[in-house]
Amino acid sequence: MRRFSGLLVTMLLVFIARSAWSQDDALNEARSAMARGEYARAASVLSAAVQTQPSADAYVYLGISYAHTREWMRAEETLKEGATRYPSDPRFHNELAGVYLAANDLDRARESLQDALSVDPDNKYASDLLATVDMSMGKVESALKNWNKDGRPIVGDILHNGHDYFQNWTIGKASAFETGETLTWGKWKTTEARLRATDIYSNVGVEVEPTASADQYTAVIRTVPKTNGTGQFVIPLFESMIFQDPSVHIWNIRNSAASLNLGYRFATNRLRGEVRILAPLQLPGILFL
């Protein structure tokens, strides 16, 4: 009886070992096929493996293979099934996000990446991709909060409208961030608010662009200057005829950032003249006179 029991144990161990070797063989064959770009071959091998010897790796690689052969529905179904079977593995949610991004479904991609972070809050791949998706959707605050969790994005170069020099001194003084610092939402908004306060730009904004250096980004400050032209003097003529309240605005005199606003109201019993000069001072953060 003891010999019989020992034989059963031995046979069971051999069966388990053979199963493990067989599974490893299938995964290795699939990995080799994927490395050669033969994703259809990999999908064929892995689709059999998930039926006979399922594993998290087999499901992940099968989903990736289907995605590369543009079988999006199969890729989605496989990855969802894998996520259900192996709920503690964030790779399924990350790969699902890639499937949704390929379909330009940004909302579902965001949901998948958030699912990955709920499984693994320290998943750098998910947080980085989620920040990138948020940035593309204009969700700057959310993007920066995800990046800031691990000290990113680090500011590399600071450009103005794509140039490596500032076209007006206000850019450097208004910037709340510096090279080598982590760019936060507060610094982003402070920079924009300071530039708007100068009243010489019709539009301002900040963007970030990736660089070849890991975790380092180029900060691009973009501005659209208010321009001076003949219309500034023609329009007041119409204002005087219709509203009896003409005004003239001259922006950024000689690129000094100082602006002059002139106004006069000559309606009966309501005479008023006004001269207003807004002169930013060349101090960090920009003060105004």
Protein backbone atom coordinates (compact mmCIF):
# COMPACT_ATOMS: atom_id res chain seq x y z
CA MET A 1 0.00 0.00 0.00
CA ARG A 2 2.84 2.37 0.86
CA ARG A 3 4.57 1.50 -2.41
CA PHE A 4 1.35 2.19 -4.29
CA SER A 5 0.91 5.56 -2.56
CA GLY A 6 4.52 6.46 -3.27
CA LEU A 7 4.00 5.59 -6.94
CA LEU A 8 0.96 7.86 -7.14
CA VAL A 9 2.88 10.76 -5.59
CA THR A 10 5.75 10.19 -8.02
CA MET A 11 3.39 10.11 -11.00
CA LEU A 12 1.64 13.26 -9.79
CA LEU A 13 4.94 15.11 -9.45
CA VAL A 14 6.01 14.02 -12.92
CA PHE A 15 2.68 15.19 -14.36
CA ILE A 16 3.00 18.59 -12.66
CA ALA A 17 6.58 18.97 -13.87
CA ARG A 18 5.63 18.04 -17.43
CA SER A 19 2.73 20.51 -17.34
CA ALA A 20 5.04 23.27 -16.15
CA TRP A 21 7.60 22.44 -18.84
CA SER A 22 4.86 22.33 -21.46
CA GLN A 23 3.53 25.71 -20.33
CA ASP A 24 7.00 27.23 -20.35
CA ASP A 25 7.58 25.83 -23.83
CA ALA A 26 4.36 27.45 -25.11
CA LEU A 27 5.19 30.82 -23.55
CA ASN A 28 8.76 30.72 -24.82
CA GLU A 29 7.58 29.85 -28.32
CA ALA A 30 5.05 32.68 -28.21
CA ARG A 31 7.63 35.17 -26.93
CA SER A 32 10.04 34.17 -29.70
CA ALA A 33 7.30 34.60 -32.32
CA MET A 34 6.39 38.03 -30.91
CA ALA A 35 10.06 39.08 -30.96
CA ARG A 36 10.12 38.19 -34.67
CA GLY A 37 6.92 40.14 -35.25
CA GLU A 38 4.95 36.95 -35.92
CA TYR A 39 1.97 37.90 -33.78
CA ALA A 40 -0.50 35.67 -35.62
CA ARG A 41 1.72 32.66 -34.81
CA ALA A 42 1.99 33.79 -31.18
CA ALA A 43 -1.80 34.15 -30.96
CA SER A 44 -2.27 30.62 -32.28
CA VAL A 45 0.11 29.17 -29.68
CA LEU A 46 -1.30 31.22 -26.79
CA SER A 47 -4.99 30.65 -27.63
CA ALA A 48 -4.33 26.94 -27.08
CA ALA A 49 -2.29 27.61 -23.94
CA VAL A 50 -5.06 29.60 -22.20
CA GLN A 51 -7.44 26.67 -22.75
CA THR A 52 -5.18 23.94 -21.42
CA GLN A 53 -2.70 25.73 -19.13
CA PRO A 54 -4.02 29.23 -18.39
CA SER A 55 -1.73 31.77 -16.75
CA ALA A 56 -1.55 35.54 -16.39
CA ASP A 57 1.36 35.72 -18.84
CA ALA A 58 -0.50 33.67 -21.43
CA TYR A 59 -3.54 35.97 -21.28
CA VAL A 60 -1.45 39.15 -21.38
CA TYR A 61 0.64 38.01 -24.36
CA LEU A 62 -2.44 36.74 -26.18
CA GLY A 63 -4.17 40.10 -25.74
CA ILE A 64 -1.05 41.90 -27.01
CA SER A 65 -0.81 39.55 -30.00
CA TYR A 66 -4.45 40.15 -30.95
CA ALA A 67 -3.88 43.90 -30.69
CA HIS A 68 -0.88 43.73 -33.01
CA THR A 69 -2.92 41.82 -35.58
CA ARG A 70 -5.61 44.50 -35.18
CA GLU A 71 -8.18 42.05 -33.82
CA TRP A 72 -9.36 44.66 -31.36
CA MET A 73 -12.48 42.88 -30.12
CA ARG A 74 -10.58 39.68 -29.37
CA ALA A 75 -7.84 41.67 -27.67
CA GLU A 76 -10.37 43.47 -25.48
CA GLU A 77 -12.23 40.26 -24.57
CA THR A 78 -9.00 38.40 -23.77
CA LEU A 79 -7.62 41.15 -21.57
CA LYS A 80 -10.92 41.58 -19.74
CA GLU A 81 -11.09 37.84 -19.08
CA GLY A 82 -7.50 37.91 -17.84
CA ALA A 83 -8.29 40.83 -15.53
CA THR A 84 -11.20 38.86 -14.08
CA ARG A 85 -9.09 35.73 -13.55
CA TYR A 86 -6.05 37.60 -12.18
CA PRO A 87 -7.44 40.74 -10.50
CA SER A 88 -4.15 41.64 -8.79
CA ASP A 89 -2.24 41.98 -12.09
CA PRO A 90 -2.33 45.58 -13.41
CA ARG A 91 -0.91 44.60 -16.82
CA PHE A 92 -4.36 43.75 -18.15
CA HIS A 93 -5.66 47.25 -17.48
CA ASN A 94 -2.54 48.84 -18.97
CA GLU A 95 -2.87 46.81 -22.17
CA LEU A 96 -6.61 47.50 -22.34
CA ALA A 97 -5.78 51.19 -22.25
CA GLY A 98 -3.57 50.66 -25.30
CA VAL A 99 -6.44 48.96 -27.13
CA TYR A 100 -8.76 51.88 -26.36
CA LEU A 101 -6.14 54.44 -27.34
CA ALA A 102 -5.78 52.72 -30.70
CA ALA A 103 -9.52 53.29 -31.14
CA ASN A 104 -9.12 56.90 -29.94
CA ASP A 105 -11.44 56.16 -27.03
CA LEU A 106 -9.70 58.36 -24.48
CA ASP A 107 -12.38 58.11 -21.81
CA ARG A 108 -12.22 54.30 -21.64
CA ALA A 109 -8.43 54.42 -21.77
CA ARG A 110 -8.47 56.71 -18.72
CA GLU A 111 -10.80 54.32 -16.89
CA SER A 112 -8.49 51.36 -17.59
CA LEU A 113 -5.43 53.24 -16.37
CA GLN A 114 -7.27 54.31 -13.23
CA ASP A 115 -8.17 50.62 -12.70
CA ALA A 116 -4.48 49.74 -13.04
CA LEU A 117 -3.59 52.33 -10.40
CA SER A 118 -6.31 51.04 -8.07
CA VAL A 119 -4.61 47.61 -8.29
CA ASP A 120 -1.07 49.02 -8.08
CA PRO A 121 -0.91 52.66 -6.91
CA ASP A 122 2.84 52.74 -7.64
CA ASN A 123 2.47 51.61 -11.25
CA LYS A 124 4.67 54.15 -13.02
CA TYR A 125 3.64 53.07 -16.52
CA ALA A 126 -0.06 53.64 -15.74
CA SER A 127 0.46 56.98 -14.00
CA ASP A 128 2.70 58.27 -16.81
CA LEU A 129 0.33 57.19 -19.58
CA LEU A 130 -2.68 58.54 -17.66
CA ALA A 131 -0.92 61.90 -17.31
CA THR A 132 -0.19 61.91 -21.04
CA VAL A 133 -3.81 61.10 -21.89
CA ASP A 134 -5.08 63.76 -19.48
CA MET A 135 -2.74 66.32 -21.00
CA SER A 136 -4.00 65.52 -24.50
CA MET A 137 -7.57 66.00 -23.26
CA GLY A 138 -6.73 69.35 -21.65
CA LYS A 139 -7.02 67.92 -18.13
CA VAL A 140 -3.79 69.63 -17.06
CA GLU A 141 -4.46 69.64 -13.32
CA SER A 142 -5.17 65.90 -13.25
CA ALA A 143 -2.13 65.17 -15.44
CA LEU A 144 0.25 67.09 -13.22
CA LYS A 145 -1.14 65.53 -10.05
CA ASN A 146 -0.43 62.05 -11.45
CA TRP A 147 3.06 63.04 -12.55
CA ASN A 148 3.81 64.82 -9.28
CA LYS A 149 3.28 61.59 -7.28
CA ASP A 150 6.82 60.55 -8.15
CA GLY A 151 8.40 63.97 -8.64
CA ARG A 152 7.66 64.49 -12.31
CA PRO A 153 7.67 66.26 -14.70
CA ILE A 154 11.11 67.78 -14.16
CA VAL A 155 11.56 71.01 -16.09
CA GLY A 156 14.42 70.91 -18.60
CA ASP A 157 14.57 73.79 -21.06
CA ILE A 158 12.09 76.65 -20.84
CA LEU A 159 11.07 77.94 -24.28
CA HIS A 160 8.94 80.85 -25.37
CA ASN A 161 6.77 80.13 -28.41
CA GLY A 162 9.26 77.43 -29.38
CA HIS A 163 12.32 79.70 -29.12
CA ASP A 164 15.18 79.28 -26.65
CA TYR A 165 15.08 83.01 -25.89
CA PHE A 166 12.34 85.15 -24.37
CA GLN A 167 10.78 87.61 -26.80
CA ASN A 168 9.80 89.86 -23.91
CA TRP A 169 11.33 90.24 -20.45
CA THR A 170 7.99 89.51 -18.78
CA ILE A 171 8.28 85.81 -19.70
CA GLY A 172 11.28 85.17 -17.49
CA LYS A 173 9.98 87.26 -14.59
CA ALA A 174 6.49 85.73 -14.73
CA SER A 175 7.68 82.12 -14.77
CA ALA A 176 7.03 80.45 -11.41
CA PHE A 177 9.16 77.40 -12.29
CA GLU A 178 12.85 76.92 -13.06
CA THR A 179 15.04 74.36 -14.77
CA GLY A 180 15.53 71.25 -12.63
CA GLU A 181 12.32 71.79 -10.64
CA THR A 182 9.17 69.69 -10.61
CA LEU A 183 6.39 71.45 -12.49
CA THR A 184 3.23 71.62 -10.37
CA TRP A 185 -0.28 72.81 -11.13
CA GLY A 186 0.20 75.80 -8.81
CA LYS A 187 3.35 76.95 -10.64
CA TRP A 188 1.62 76.42 -13.99
CA LYS A 189 -1.40 78.57 -13.05
CA THR A 190 0.71 81.23 -11.32
CA THR A 191 2.79 81.69 -14.46
CA GLU A 192 -0.31 82.08 -16.63
CA ALA A 193 -1.96 84.50 -14.14
CA ARG A 194 1.12 86.75 -14.00
CA LEU A 195 1.32 86.97 -17.78
CA ARG A 196 -2.39 87.78 -18.10
CA ALA A 197 -1.99 90.54 -15.52
CA THR A 198 0.53 92.33 -17.74
CA ASP A 199 -2.36 93.03 -20.15
CA ILE A 200 -0.06 92.86 -23.20
CA TYR A 201 -1.13 89.36 -24.31
CA SER A 202 -4.43 88.32 -25.84
CA ASN A 203 -3.78 84.70 -24.91
CA VAL A 204 -1.28 82.83 -22.72
CA GLY A 205 -0.64 79.19 -21.91
CA VAL A 206 1.92 76.65 -20.79
CA GLU A 207 2.68 73.30 -22.44
CA VAL A 208 5.09 70.45 -21.72
CA GLU A 209 6.92 68.33 -24.28
CA PRO A 210 8.87 65.11 -23.58
CA THR A 211 12.64 65.00 -24.09
CA ALA A 212 15.18 62.22 -24.64
CA SER A 213 16.08 62.40 -20.94
CA ALA A 214 13.96 60.22 -18.66
CA ASP A 215 11.31 62.12 -16.68
CA GLN A 216 12.51 65.47 -18.05
CA TYR A 217 10.23 67.72 -20.06
CA THR A 218 10.57 70.98 -21.95
CA ALA A 219 8.23 73.68 -20.67
CA VAL A 220 6.90 75.88 -23.46
CA ILE A 221 5.34 79.21 -22.52
CA ARG A 222 3.08 80.37 -25.32
CA THR A 223 1.78 83.89 -25.70
CA VAL A 224 -0.13 85.81 -28.35
CA PRO A 225 0.72 89.52 -28.07
CA LYS A 226 -1.82 92.28 -28.42
CA THR A 227 -0.89 94.28 -31.49
CA ASN A 228 -0.97 97.98 -32.28
CA GLY A 229 -2.43 99.08 -35.60
CA THR A 230 -4.46 101.71 -37.43
CA GLY A 231 -7.66 100.10 -36.16
CA GLN A 232 -6.85 101.42 -32.70
CA PHE A 233 -7.40 104.94 -33.99
CA VAL A 234 -10.22 104.26 -36.47
CA ILE A 235 -12.46 102.46 -34.00
CA PRO A 236 -12.50 105.40 -31.53
CA LEU A 237 -13.99 107.57 -34.32
CA PHE A 238 -17.00 105.26 -34.56
CA GLU A 239 -17.19 105.09 -30.76
CA SER A 240 -17.32 108.88 -30.58
CA MET A 241 -20.20 109.04 -33.07
CA ILE A 242 -22.27 106.28 -31.48
CA PHE A 243 -21.33 106.11 -27.80
CA GLN A 244 -19.65 109.50 -27.26
CA ASP A 245 -17.05 107.56 -25.27
CA PRO A 246 -13.97 106.91 -27.45
CA SER A 247 -10.88 105.18 -26.10
CA VAL A 248 -7.40 104.40 -27.43
CA HIS A 249 -5.20 101.52 -26.25
CA ILE A 250 -1.50 101.27 -27.06
CA TRP A 251 0.01 97.99 -25.91
CA ASN A 252 3.57 97.09 -25.00
CA ILE A 253 5.22 100.35 -25.97
CA ARG A 254 8.61 99.56 -27.58
CA ASN A 255 8.47 96.06 -26.08
CA SER A 256 8.75 97.54 -22.58
CA ALA A 257 5.52 95.82 -21.44
CA ALA A 258 4.15 99.27 -20.53
CA SER A 259 0.73 100.08 -21.99
CA LEU A 260 -1.20 103.33 -22.38
CA ASN A 261 -4.99 103.61 -22.26
CA LEU A 262 -6.68 106.90 -23.13
CA GLY A 263 -10.38 107.58 -22.76
CA TYR A 264 -12.68 110.58 -23.02
CA ARG A 265 -16.42 110.92 -22.50
CA PHE A 266 -17.97 114.11 -23.91
CA ALA A 267 -21.68 113.39 -23.40
CA THR A 268 -23.60 116.41 -22.09
CA ASN A 269 -23.00 116.96 -18.36
CA ARG A 270 -20.93 113.80 -18.25
CA LEU A 271 -17.48 114.95 -19.29
CA ARG A 272 -14.61 112.79 -18.19
CA GLY A 273 -11.06 112.27 -19.36
CA GLU A 274 -8.91 109.33 -18.33
CA VAL A 275 -5.26 108.42 -18.82
CA ARG A 276 -4.09 105.06 -17.55
CA ILE A 277 -0.56 103.68 -17.71
CA LEU A 278 0.13 100.08 -16.74
CA ALA A 279 3.87 99.57 -16.23
CA PRO A 280 5.10 96.16 -15.02
CA LEU A 281 8.32 96.32 -13.04
CA GLN A 282 11.23 94.00 -13.88
CA LEU A 283 11.11 92.09 -10.62
CA PRO A 284 10.54 88.37 -10.01
CA GLY A 285 6.81 87.70 -10.01
CA ILE A 286 6.23 91.09 -11.70
CA LEU A 287 4.94 94.07 -9.74
CA PHE A 288 2.97 96.85 -11.38
CA LEU A 289 3.15 100.63 -11.32
